[in-house]
Amino acid sequence: MLEVLHLLFFGLGLGSGFLLILGLIRPVLVLWYLDRFNRLKVIQVYGIATLILLGLSYVLRLVGQYF
């Protein structure tokens, strides 16, 4: 079960990282749902999501080693 969660969070983190890079090139492609879009907003939304998801993936991998 922990391995599935690890892979899920890792995949979502990679996807979020890809959208972060895409949004730094053209912010309108990833922030189309907001009324204002700029590179700072892209970093705030997708950068934080990437860090959290990859951090959770790392923690789950560590916990999975002990169980």
Protein backbone atom coordinates (compact mmCIF):
# COMPACT_ATOMS: atom_id res chain seq x y z
CA MET A 1 0.00 0.00 0.00
CA LEU A 2 2.82 2.40 0.82
CA GLU A 3 4.48 1.61 -2.49
CA VAL A 4 1.32 2.55 -4.38
CA LEU A 5 1.07 5.86 -2.51
CA HIS A 6 4.76 6.51 -3.11
CA LEU A 7 4.34 5.96 -6.86
CA LEU A 8 1.17 8.07 -6.94
CA PHE A 9 2.78 11.04 -5.18
CA PHE A 10 5.95 10.68 -7.24
CA GLY A 11 3.97 10.67 -10.50
CA LEU A 12 1.90 13.66 -9.46
CA GLY A 13 5.08 15.46 -8.37
CA LEU A 14 6.71 14.85 -11.75
CA GLY A 15 3.57 16.03 -13.52
CA SER A 16 3.46 19.15 -11.41
CA GLY A 17 7.16 19.76 -12.11
CA PHE A 18 6.49 19.47 -15.84
CA LEU A 19 3.64 21.98 -15.57
CA LEU A 20 5.94 24.27 -13.57
CA ILE A 21 8.51 24.29 -16.37
CA LEU A 22 5.80 24.73 -19.01
CA GLY A 23 4.28 27.58 -17.01
CA LEU A 24 7.61 29.38 -16.74
CA ILE A 25 7.74 29.41 -20.52
CA ARG A 26 4.07 30.34 -21.15
CA PRO A 27 2.03 31.02 -17.99
CA VAL A 28 -1.29 31.17 -19.81
CA LEU A 29 -1.06 27.45 -20.66
CA VAL A 30 -1.20 26.31 -17.04
CA LEU A 31 -3.07 29.15 -15.32
CA TRP A 32 -5.92 29.50 -17.81
CA TYR A 33 -8.48 29.22 -14.99
CA LEU A 34 -7.31 32.40 -13.20
CA ASP A 35 -8.07 35.97 -14.18
CA ARG A 36 -4.39 36.96 -13.91
CA PHE A 37 -1.48 34.77 -14.80
CA ASN A 38 2.22 35.48 -14.48
CA ARG A 39 5.35 33.54 -13.70
CA LEU A 40 5.23 34.34 -9.98
CA LYS A 41 1.77 32.74 -9.73
CA VAL A 42 3.07 29.68 -11.61
CA ILE A 43 5.88 29.31 -9.08
CA GLN A 44 3.48 29.78 -6.17
CA VAL A 45 0.94 27.23 -7.39
CA TYR A 46 2.99 24.55 -9.12
CA GLY A 47 6.28 25.04 -7.27
CA ILE A 48 4.68 24.49 -3.89
CA ALA A 49 2.66 21.54 -5.21
CA THR A 50 5.83 19.97 -6.65
CA LEU A 51 7.74 20.35 -3.40
CA ILE A 52 4.92 18.95 -1.28
CA LEU A 53 4.23 15.96 -3.54
CA LEU A 54 7.87 15.01 -3.98
CA GLY A 55 8.44 15.48 -0.24
CA LEU A 56 5.54 13.16 0.57
CA SER A 57 6.90 10.65 -1.91
CA TYR A 58 10.28 10.74 -0.22
CA VAL A 59 8.77 10.32 3.25
CA LEU A 60 6.66 7.38 2.11
CA ARG A 61 9.73 5.74 0.58
CA LEU A 62 11.58 6.11 3.88
CA VAL A 63 8.66 4.76 5.88
CA GLY A 64 8.29 1.85 3.43
CA GLN A 65 11.88 0.78 4.06
CA TYR A 66 11.13 0.17 7.74
CA PHE A 67 7.90 -1.78 7.29
